[in-house]
C-alpha cells in the first residue's frame, strides 16, 4: 500500500487535484496549496490528476496536454512535494507506462469490470484504486478487487462514486461504504463525481457543487477511510468536470469541518 505521511490514528486521507492535468504551472500551484492545508490539518494527501481524459461526451472536448508531458508533471509533483500521485488508466497497455510515473493507478468506474485492465494494473505492483461502477452494487466490487489480488497484488483501494439514478442523476447509498470495507480494503468516497449530472443535452456533464459539503460530511460520519475531491482555482474555466468541482479557496474550510467530524466519532 502507498505510504501516507502525517496519518494520526483514525484520520481520513485525501485524494484531490484537478480532473485532468491542464499544464505544469497550474498543477504545481494546486499541489502546493493542498499540501500546505493537509500538512496543517495532519491529513495524508495523494495528488490526483488524469494524464488523459478518455471518457468525454463530445469529440471536441479537451482530453489532455499529451500523455508523457502530463505524466512528467505528476512525477514532478511527487518529487517536489513528497506526496503520492494517482492517475487513471484506460487500457491494459497503459498500466506499465503510467506506473513509471505515479504511485497509484486508478481504474475508472466505467472500466471496473475489465479483467485485462485490472490484471495489467495489478502486475505493476502499484496500489490500485478501483472506482465502483455507477451500475454496480457495492457487494459486486468484491469480484473486481479479487481480480487484482489473484493477479498477485494486495494493494487495493475501492472508491464509491454514486449510483445511476434515472438518466441524468446519481445518488450515494452510504450503506455501500461499510459493505465494501467488509472486504478488508480502504474505501474512499468520491465526493465530487457523486454530484455529477451526466447525459446533459449539451454534451457537457452538469453537477451540484453546492452539495459537496453535505456529501463529504456524511461520508466522514459513516467512516469512509478517505475522500476524493476534484478541485480547481476557477472551476468555471476548468477543462473537465468544472460543473461539479470544489473551488480551491473553499477546500481548507471544508477539510477543517471534516476533521472535527472524524474526531467526534472516534
C-alpha atoms as a PDB file:
ATOM      1  CA  UNK A   1       0.000   0.000   0.000  1.00  0.00           C
ATOM      2  CA  UNK A   2       1.170   3.569  -0.609  1.00  0.00           C
ATOM      3  CA  UNK A   3       2.948   5.239   2.260  1.00  0.00           C
ATOM      4  CA  UNK A   4       0.874   8.139   3.581  1.00  0.00           C
ATOM      5  CA  UNK A   5       2.625  10.757   5.697  1.00  0.00           C
ATOM      6  CA  UNK A   6       1.163  12.534   8.723  1.00  0.00           C
ATOM      7  CA  UNK A   7      -1.529   9.992   9.415  1.00  0.00           C
ATOM      8  CA  UNK A   8      -2.772  10.234  13.007  1.00  0.00           C
ATOM      9  CA  UNK A   9      -4.677   7.157  14.092  1.00  0.00           C
ATOM     10  CA  UNK A  10      -8.217   7.233  12.792  1.00  0.00           C
ATOM     11  CA  UNK A  11      -7.800  10.175  10.414  1.00  0.00           C
ATOM     12  CA  UNK A  12      -9.078  10.041   6.837  1.00  0.00           C
ATOM     13  CA  UNK A  13      -6.887  10.652   3.808  1.00  0.00           C
ATOM     14  CA  UNK A  14      -7.498  12.927   0.852  1.00  0.00           C
ATOM     15  CA  UNK A  15      -7.216  12.389  -2.879  1.00  0.00           C
ATOM     16  CA  UNK A  16      -7.517  15.787  -4.528  1.00  0.00           C
ATOM     17  CA  UNK A  17      -6.446  17.776  -7.525  1.00  0.00           C
ATOM     18  CA  UNK A  18      -7.637  18.849 -10.948  1.00  0.00           C
ATOM     19  CA  UNK A  19      -9.677  16.443 -13.030  1.00  0.00           C
ATOM     20  CA  UNK A  20      -7.084  16.427 -15.799  1.00  0.00           C
ATOM     21  CA  UNK A  21      -3.587  17.900 -15.986  1.00  0.00           C
ATOM     22  CA  UNK A  22      -4.080  21.166 -17.863  1.00  0.00           C
ATOM     23  CA  UNK A  23      -0.476  22.321 -17.525  1.00  0.00           C
ATOM     24  CA  UNK A  24       2.519  22.159 -15.199  1.00  0.00           C
ATOM     25  CA  UNK A  25       2.165  25.563 -13.544  1.00  0.00           C
ATOM     26  CA  UNK A  26      -1.493  25.040 -12.660  1.00  0.00           C
ATOM     27  CA  UNK A  27      -0.861  21.561 -11.272  1.00  0.00           C
ATOM     28  CA  UNK A  28       2.071  22.738  -9.165  1.00  0.00           C
ATOM     29  CA  UNK A  29       0.104  25.668  -7.727  1.00  0.00           C
ATOM     30  CA  UNK A  30      -2.793  23.427  -6.732  1.00  0.00           C
ATOM     31  CA  UNK A  31      -0.483  20.812  -5.235  1.00  0.00           C
ATOM     32  CA  UNK A  32       1.423  23.408  -3.210  1.00  0.00           C
ATOM     33  CA  UNK A  33      -1.757  24.866  -1.720  1.00  0.00           C
ATOM     34  CA  UNK A  34      -3.299  21.491  -0.887  1.00  0.00           C
ATOM     35  CA  UNK A  35      -0.046  20.232   0.654  1.00  0.00           C
ATOM     36  CA  UNK A  36       0.060  23.255   2.990  1.00  0.00           C
ATOM     37  CA  UNK A  37      -3.562  22.731   4.018  1.00  0.00           C
ATOM     38  CA  UNK A  38      -3.271  18.988   4.598  1.00  0.00           C
ATOM     39  CA  UNK A  39       0.012  19.266   6.477  1.00  0.00           C
ATOM     40  CA  UNK A  40      -1.538  21.806   8.848  1.00  0.00           C
ATOM     41  CA  UNK A  41      -4.550  19.560   9.426  1.00  0.00           C
ATOM     42  CA  UNK A  42      -2.457  16.340   9.505  1.00  0.00           C
ATOM     43  CA  UNK A  43      -4.424  14.764   6.664  1.00  0.00           C
ATOM     44  CA  UNK A  44      -2.495  12.297   4.468  1.00  0.00           C
ATOM     45  CA  UNK A  45      -2.633  13.573   0.904  1.00  0.00           C
ATOM     46  CA  UNK A  46      -2.497  11.983  -2.555  1.00  0.00           C
ATOM     47  CA  UNK A  47      -2.377  14.362  -5.524  1.00  0.00           C
ATOM     48  CA  UNK A  48      -4.877  13.405  -8.223  1.00  0.00           C
ATOM     49  CA  UNK A  49      -4.684  14.292 -11.888  1.00  0.00           C
ATOM     50  CA  UNK A  50      -5.572  12.382 -15.051  1.00  0.00           C
ATOM     51  CA  UNK A  51      -2.849  12.449 -17.691  1.00  0.00           C
ATOM     52  CA  UNK A  52      -5.576  11.952 -20.270  1.00  0.00           C
ATOM     53  CA  UNK A  53      -9.345  12.228 -20.016  1.00  0.00           C
ATOM     54  CA  UNK A  54     -10.545   9.421 -22.240  1.00  0.00           C
ATOM     55  CA  UNK A  55     -14.266   9.260 -21.466  1.00  0.00           C
ATOM     56  CA  UNK A  56     -15.615  12.516 -22.909  1.00  0.00           C
ATOM     57  CA  UNK A  57     -19.146  13.050 -24.174  1.00  0.00           C
ATOM     58  CA  UNK A  58     -18.123  15.093 -27.205  1.00  0.00           C
ATOM     59  CA  UNK A  59     -15.344  14.649 -29.727  1.00  0.00           C
ATOM     60  CA  UNK A  60     -14.262  18.276 -29.340  1.00  0.00           C
ATOM     61  CA  UNK A  61     -13.835  18.055 -25.541  1.00  0.00           C
ATOM     62  CA  UNK A  62     -10.361  18.598 -24.066  1.00  0.00           C
ATOM     63  CA  UNK A  63      -8.560  15.327 -23.334  1.00  0.00           C
ATOM     64  CA  UNK A  64      -5.094  16.418 -22.202  1.00  0.00           C
ATOM     65  CA  UNK A  65      -1.762  18.033 -22.984  1.00  0.00           C
ATOM     66  CA  UNK A  66      -0.113  14.794 -24.133  1.00  0.00           C
ATOM     67  CA  UNK A  67       0.394  11.600 -22.154  1.00  0.00           C
ATOM     68  CA  UNK A  68       4.124  11.802 -21.484  1.00  0.00           C
ATOM     69  CA  UNK A  69       4.045  15.531 -20.792  1.00  0.00           C
ATOM     70  CA  UNK A  70       1.234  15.137 -18.250  1.00  0.00           C
ATOM     71  CA  UNK A  71       2.834  12.108 -16.604  1.00  0.00           C
ATOM     72  CA  UNK A  72       6.043  14.079 -16.163  1.00  0.00           C
ATOM     73  CA  UNK A  73       4.023  16.750 -14.366  1.00  0.00           C
ATOM     74  CA  UNK A  74       2.692  14.100 -11.985  1.00  0.00           C
ATOM     75  CA  UNK A  75       6.224  12.882 -11.336  1.00  0.00           C
ATOM     76  CA  UNK A  76       7.349  16.446 -10.635  1.00  0.00           C
ATOM     77  CA  UNK A  77       4.539  16.922  -8.108  1.00  0.00           C
ATOM     78  CA  UNK A  78       5.724  13.816  -6.262  1.00  0.00           C
ATOM     79  CA  UNK A  79       9.381  14.780  -6.350  1.00  0.00           C
ATOM     80  CA  UNK A  80       8.718  18.383  -5.322  1.00  0.00           C
ATOM     81  CA  UNK A  81       6.232  17.863  -2.518  1.00  0.00           C
ATOM     82  CA  UNK A  82       6.867  14.264  -1.455  1.00  0.00           C
ATOM     83  CA  UNK A  83       3.257  13.173  -1.812  1.00  0.00           C
ATOM     84  CA  UNK A  84       1.967  10.133  -3.711  1.00  0.00           C
ATOM     85  CA  UNK A  85       0.197  10.752  -7.003  1.00  0.00           C
ATOM     86  CA  UNK A  86      -2.706   8.956  -8.667  1.00  0.00           C
ATOM     87  CA  UNK A  87      -3.892   8.866 -12.265  1.00  0.00           C
ATOM     88  CA  UNK A  88      -6.448   6.955 -14.315  1.00  0.00           C
ATOM     89  CA  UNK A  89      -5.522   4.309 -16.845  1.00  0.00           C
ATOM     90  CA  UNK A  90      -7.860   3.243 -19.606  1.00  0.00           C
ATOM     91  CA  UNK A  91      -6.396   0.141 -21.252  1.00  0.00           C
ATOM     92  CA  UNK A  92      -4.087  -2.706 -20.282  1.00  0.00           C
ATOM     93  CA  UNK A  93      -1.182  -1.361 -22.314  1.00  0.00           C
ATOM     94  CA  UNK A  94      -1.237   1.924 -20.386  1.00  0.00           C
ATOM     95  CA  UNK A  95      -0.616   0.302 -16.990  1.00  0.00           C
ATOM     96  CA  UNK A  96       3.158  -0.187 -17.237  1.00  0.00           C
ATOM     97  CA  UNK A  97       3.628   3.244 -18.832  1.00  0.00           C
ATOM     98  CA  UNK A  98       1.737   5.129 -16.119  1.00  0.00           C
ATOM     99  CA  UNK A  99       3.306   3.062 -13.338  1.00  0.00           C
ATOM    100  CA  UNK A 100       6.703   4.572 -14.180  1.00  0.00           C
ATOM    101  CA  UNK A 101       5.445   7.985 -13.061  1.00  0.00           C
ATOM    102  CA  UNK A 102       2.844   7.542 -10.283  1.00  0.00           C
ATOM    103  CA  UNK A 103       2.309   5.592  -7.070  1.00  0.00           C
ATOM    104  CA  UNK A 104      -1.379   4.780  -7.529  1.00  0.00           C
ATOM    105  CA  UNK A 105      -3.167   3.552 -10.653  1.00  0.00           C
ATOM    106  CA  UNK A 106      -6.866   4.313 -10.762  1.00  0.00           C
ATOM    107  CA  UNK A 107      -9.398   2.210 -12.640  1.00  0.00           C
ATOM    108  CA  UNK A 108     -12.261   4.391 -13.930  1.00  0.00           C
ATOM    109  CA  UNK A 109     -15.761   3.435 -12.856  1.00  0.00           C
ATOM    110  CA  UNK A 110     -16.909   2.537 -16.368  1.00  0.00           C
ATOM    111  CA  UNK A 111     -13.973   0.105 -16.668  1.00  0.00           C
ATOM    112  CA  UNK A 112     -14.045  -1.586 -13.264  1.00  0.00           C
ATOM    113  CA  UNK A 113     -15.110  -4.956 -14.712  1.00  0.00           C
ATOM    114  CA  UNK A 114     -12.404  -5.053 -17.419  1.00  0.00           C
ATOM    115  CA  UNK A 115     -10.365  -8.084 -16.427  1.00  0.00           C
ATOM    116  CA  UNK A 116      -7.364  -7.399 -18.680  1.00  0.00           C
ATOM    117  CA  UNK A 117      -7.098  -3.858 -17.332  1.00  0.00           C
ATOM    118  CA  UNK A 118      -7.295  -4.936 -13.693  1.00  0.00           C
ATOM    119  CA  UNK A 119      -4.733  -7.701 -14.148  1.00  0.00           C
ATOM    120  CA  UNK A 120      -2.301  -5.441 -16.016  1.00  0.00           C
ATOM    121  CA  UNK A 121      -2.613  -2.809 -13.299  1.00  0.00           C
ATOM    122  CA  UNK A 122      -2.082  -5.428 -10.585  1.00  0.00           C
ATOM    123  CA  UNK A 123       1.112  -6.683 -12.207  1.00  0.00           C
ATOM    124  CA  UNK A 124       2.765  -3.263 -11.885  1.00  0.00           C
ATOM    125  CA  UNK A 125       2.848  -3.717  -8.096  1.00  0.00           C
ATOM    126  CA  UNK A 126       1.389  -0.254  -7.576  1.00  0.00           C
ATOM    127  CA  UNK A 127      -1.560   0.497  -5.308  1.00  0.00           C
ATOM    128  CA  UNK A 128      -4.735   0.076  -7.363  1.00  0.00           C
ATOM    129  CA  UNK A 129      -7.749   2.277  -6.686  1.00  0.00           C
ATOM    130  CA  UNK A 130     -10.847   0.764  -8.294  1.00  0.00           C
ATOM    131  CA  UNK A 131     -13.793   3.100  -8.681  1.00  0.00           C
ATOM    132  CA  UNK A 132     -17.163   1.390  -8.308  1.00  0.00           C
ATOM    133  CA  UNK A 133     -19.190   1.389 -11.485  1.00  0.00           C
ATOM    134  CA  UNK A 134     -22.294   3.555 -11.386  1.00  0.00           C
ATOM    135  CA  UNK A 135     -24.142   0.398 -12.461  1.00  0.00           C
ATOM    136  CA  UNK A 136     -22.862  -1.953  -9.730  1.00  0.00           C
ATOM    137  CA  UNK A 137     -23.888  -2.775  -6.205  1.00  0.00           C
ATOM    138  CA  UNK A 138     -21.222  -2.303  -3.515  1.00  0.00           C
ATOM    139  CA  UNK A 139     -21.034  -6.051  -2.869  1.00  0.00           C
ATOM    140  CA  UNK A 140     -20.256  -6.713  -6.543  1.00  0.00           C
ATOM    141  CA  UNK A 141     -16.973  -4.842  -6.097  1.00  0.00           C
ATOM    142  CA  UNK A 142     -15.573  -7.849  -4.235  1.00  0.00           C
ATOM    143  CA  UNK A 143     -15.037  -9.507  -7.608  1.00  0.00           C
ATOM    144  CA  UNK A 144     -13.151  -6.524  -9.037  1.00  0.00           C
ATOM    145  CA  UNK A 145     -10.866  -6.495  -6.001  1.00  0.00           C
ATOM    146  CA  UNK A 146     -10.393 -10.259  -6.236  1.00  0.00           C
ATOM    147  CA  UNK A 147      -9.066  -9.931  -9.784  1.00  0.00           C
ATOM    148  CA  UNK A 148      -6.280  -7.652  -8.582  1.00  0.00           C
ATOM    149  CA  UNK A 149      -5.446  -9.795  -5.555  1.00  0.00           C
ATOM    150  CA  UNK A 150      -5.486 -13.033  -7.527  1.00  0.00           C
ATOM    151  CA  UNK A 151      -3.097 -11.426 -10.025  1.00  0.00           C
ATOM    152  CA  UNK A 152      -0.626 -11.040  -7.153  1.00  0.00           C
ATOM    153  CA  UNK A 153      -1.294  -7.571  -5.749  1.00  0.00           C
ATOM    154  CA  UNK A 154      -2.967  -6.999  -2.372  1.00  0.00           C
ATOM    155  CA  UNK A 155      -2.628  -3.215  -2.523  1.00  0.00           C
ATOM    156  CA  UNK A 156      -6.243  -2.369  -3.306  1.00  0.00           C
ATOM    157  CA  UNK A 157      -8.491   0.572  -2.522  1.00  0.00           C
ATOM    158  CA  UNK A 158     -12.147   0.934  -3.524  1.00  0.00           C
ATOM    159  CA  UNK A 159     -13.990   4.151  -4.305  1.00  0.00           C
ATOM    160  CA  UNK A 160     -17.709   4.858  -4.071  1.00  0.00           C
ATOM    161  CA  UNK A 161     -18.752   7.438  -6.671  1.00  0.00           C
ATOM    162  CA  UNK A 162     -22.535   7.255  -6.694  1.00  0.00           C
ATOM    163  CA  UNK A 163     -25.033   5.031  -8.465  1.00  0.00           C
ATOM    164  CA  UNK A 164     -27.025   5.856 -11.572  1.00  0.00           C
ATOM    165  CA  UNK A 165     -30.470   7.194 -10.647  1.00  0.00           C
ATOM    166  CA  UNK A 166     -32.542   7.817 -13.725  1.00  0.00           C
ATOM    167  CA  UNK A 167     -30.841   9.119 -16.827  1.00  0.00           C
ATOM    168  CA  UNK A 168     -29.290  12.350 -15.550  1.00  0.00           C
ATOM    169  CA  UNK A 169     -28.563  11.913 -11.864  1.00  0.00           C
ATOM    170  CA  UNK A 170     -26.599   9.905  -9.321  1.00  0.00           C
ATOM    171  CA  UNK A 171     -27.293   9.010  -5.712  1.00  0.00           C
ATOM    172  CA  UNK A 172     -24.918   7.888  -2.948  1.00  0.00           C
ATOM    173  CA  UNK A 173     -26.022   4.907  -0.891  1.00  0.00           C
ATOM    174  CA  UNK A 174     -23.902   5.299   2.238  1.00  0.00           C
ATOM    175  CA  UNK A 175     -24.536   1.688   3.211  1.00  0.00           C
ATOM    176  CA  UNK A 176     -22.056   0.816   0.494  1.00  0.00           C
ATOM    177  CA  UNK A 177     -19.102   2.238   2.418  1.00  0.00           C
ATOM    178  CA  UNK A 178     -19.194  -0.265   5.324  1.00  0.00           C
ATOM    179  CA  UNK A 179     -20.252  -3.008   2.931  1.00  0.00           C
ATOM    180  CA  UNK A 180     -17.110  -2.545   0.837  1.00  0.00           C
ATOM    181  CA  UNK A 181     -14.957  -2.056   3.953  1.00  0.00           C
ATOM    182  CA  UNK A 182     -16.006  -5.566   4.968  1.00  0.00           C
ATOM    183  CA  UNK A 183     -13.742  -6.864   2.161  1.00  0.00           C
ATOM    184  CA  UNK A 184     -10.730  -5.580   4.118  1.00  0.00           C
ATOM    185  CA  UNK A 185      -9.703  -2.694   1.826  1.00  0.00           C
ATOM    186  CA  UNK A 186      -9.730   1.076   2.396  1.00  0.00           C
ATOM    187  CA  UNK A 187     -12.858   2.694   0.961  1.00  0.00           C
ATOM    188  CA  UNK A 188     -12.881   6.219  -0.428  1.00  0.00           C
ATOM    189  CA  UNK A 189     -15.887   8.405  -1.136  1.00  0.00           C
ATOM    190  CA  UNK A 190     -15.584  10.328  -4.392  1.00  0.00           C
ATOM    191  CA  UNK A 191     -17.500  13.406  -3.328  1.00  0.00           C
ATOM    192  CA  UNK A 192     -17.396  15.477  -6.485  1.00  0.00           C
ATOM    193  CA  UNK A 193     -18.124  12.762  -9.056  1.00  0.00           C
ATOM    194  CA  UNK A 194     -21.070  11.669  -6.909  1.00  0.00           C
ATOM    195  CA  UNK A 195     -22.574  15.066  -7.658  1.00  0.00           C
ATOM    196  CA  UNK A 196     -22.296  14.873 -11.421  1.00  0.00           C
ATOM    197  CA  UNK A 197     -25.381  15.191 -13.585  1.00  0.00           C
ATOM    198  CA  UNK A 198     -24.422  13.211 -16.684  1.00  0.00           C
ATOM    199  CA  UNK A 199     -26.067  12.926 -20.092  1.00  0.00           C
ATOM    200  CA  UNK A 200     -26.985  16.581 -20.486  1.00  0.00           C
ATOM    201  CA  UNK A 201     -28.359  17.562 -23.892  1.00  0.00           C
ATOM    202  CA  UNK A 202     -25.442  19.987 -24.337  1.00  0.00           C
ATOM    203  CA  UNK A 203     -22.982  17.099 -24.262  1.00  0.00           C
ATOM    204  CA  UNK A 204     -21.293  18.626 -21.198  1.00  0.00           C
ATOM    205  CA  UNK A 205     -21.794  16.969 -17.807  1.00  0.00           C
ATOM    206  CA  UNK A 206     -23.559  19.084 -15.181  1.00  0.00           C
ATOM    207  CA  UNK A 207     -23.218  18.980 -11.424  1.00  0.00           C
ATOM    208  CA  UNK A 208     -24.342  20.181  -7.995  1.00  0.00           C
ATOM    209  CA  UNK A 209     -21.241  21.594  -6.269  1.00  0.00           C
ATOM    210  CA  UNK A 210     -23.414  23.265  -3.635  1.00  0.00           C
ATOM    211  CA  UNK A 211     -23.853  19.798  -2.099  1.00  0.00           C
ATOM    212  CA  UNK A 212     -20.139  18.936  -1.852  1.00  0.00           C
ATOM    213  CA  UNK A 213     -20.011  19.766   1.853  1.00  0.00           C
ATOM    214  CA  UNK A 214     -23.175  17.758   2.576  1.00  0.00           C
ATOM    215  CA  UNK A 215     -21.932  14.621   0.818  1.00  0.00           C
ATOM    216  CA  UNK A 216     -18.436  14.901   2.309  1.00  0.00           C
ATOM    217  CA  UNK A 217     -19.727  15.321   5.861  1.00  0.00           C
ATOM    218  CA  UNK A 218     -21.971  12.293   5.502  1.00  0.00           C
ATOM    219  CA  UNK A 219     -19.135  10.181   4.131  1.00  0.00           C
ATOM    220  CA  UNK A 220     -16.815  11.024   7.004  1.00  0.00           C
ATOM    221  CA  UNK A 221     -19.612  10.473   9.505  1.00  0.00           C
ATOM    222  CA  UNK A 222     -20.208   6.917   8.282  1.00  0.00           C
ATOM    223  CA  UNK A 223     -16.497   6.139   8.450  1.00  0.00           C
ATOM    224  CA  UNK A 224     -15.051   6.453   4.945  1.00  0.00           C
ATOM    225  CA  UNK A 225     -11.297   5.883   5.017  1.00  0.00           C
ATOM    226  CA  UNK A 226     -10.714   8.693   2.564  1.00  0.00           C
ATOM    227  CA  UNK A 227     -12.397  11.267   0.383  1.00  0.00           C
ATOM    228  CA  UNK A 228     -11.808  12.191  -3.231  1.00  0.00           C
ATOM    229  CA  UNK A 229     -12.371  15.802  -4.291  1.00  0.00           C
ATOM    230  CA  UNK A 230     -11.609  17.379  -7.626  1.00  0.00           C
ATOM    231  CA  UNK A 231     -10.591  20.979  -7.089  1.00  0.00           C
ATOM    232  CA  UNK A 232      -9.532  23.880  -9.271  1.00  0.00           C
ATOM    233  CA  UNK A 233      -8.576  27.514  -8.803  1.00  0.00           C
ATOM    234  CA  UNK A 234     -11.500  28.523 -11.010  1.00  0.00           C
ATOM    235  CA  UNK A 235     -13.917  25.668 -11.796  1.00  0.00           C
ATOM    236  CA  UNK A 236     -15.748  27.857 -14.313  1.00  0.00           C
ATOM    237  CA  UNK A 237     -12.792  27.607 -16.683  1.00  0.00           C
ATOM    238  CA  UNK A 238     -11.698  24.034 -15.847  1.00  0.00           C
ATOM    239  CA  UNK A 239     -11.285  21.917 -18.968  1.00  0.00           C
ATOM    240  CA  UNK A 240     -13.107  18.935 -17.450  1.00  0.00           C
ATOM    241  CA  UNK A 241     -15.685  18.397 -14.685  1.00  0.00           C
ATOM    242  CA  UNK A 242     -15.863  22.085 -13.776  1.00  0.00           C
ATOM    243  CA  UNK A 243     -19.582  21.814 -13.044  1.00  0.00           C
ATOM    244  CA  UNK A 244     -19.043  19.568 -10.019  1.00  0.00           C
ATOM    245  CA  UNK A 245     -15.632  20.735  -8.753  1.00  0.00           C
ATOM    246  CA  UNK A 246     -14.849  22.424  -5.457  1.00  0.00           C
ATOM    247  CA  UNK A 247     -13.242  25.837  -5.734  1.00  0.00           C
ATOM    248  CA  UNK A 248      -9.775  25.586  -4.233  1.00  0.00           C
ATOM    249  CA  UNK A 249     -10.380  28.545  -1.910  1.00  0.00           C
ATOM    250  CA  UNK A 250     -13.106  26.513  -0.160  1.00  0.00           C
ATOM    251  CA  UNK A 251     -11.035  23.393   0.492  1.00  0.00           C
ATOM    252  CA  UNK A 252      -9.417  24.369   3.790  1.00  0.00           C
ATOM    253  CA  UNK A 253     -12.717  25.292   5.418  1.00  0.00           C
ATOM    254  CA  UNK A 254     -14.323  22.042   4.313  1.00  0.00           C
ATOM    255  CA  UNK A 255     -11.434  19.860   5.478  1.00  0.00           C
ATOM    256  CA  UNK A 256     -11.366  21.612   8.846  1.00  0.00           C
ATOM    257  CA  UNK A 257     -15.009  20.671   9.377  1.00  0.00           C
ATOM    258  CA  UNK A 258     -14.389  17.099   8.269  1.00  0.00           C
ATOM    259  CA  UNK A 259     -11.501  16.689  10.718  1.00  0.00           C
ATOM    260  CA  UNK A 260     -13.803  17.811  13.531  1.00  0.00           C
ATOM    261  CA  UNK A 261     -16.427  15.270  12.491  1.00  0.00           C
ATOM    262  CA  UNK A 262     -13.864  12.473  12.379  1.00  0.00           C
ATOM    263  CA  UNK A 263     -12.537  13.424  15.812  1.00  0.00           C
ATOM    264  CA  UNK A 264     -16.074  13.437  17.204  1.00  0.00           C
ATOM    265  CA  UNK A 265     -16.823   9.885  16.062  1.00  0.00           C
ATOM    266  CA  UNK A 266     -13.524   8.254  17.073  1.00  0.00           C
END
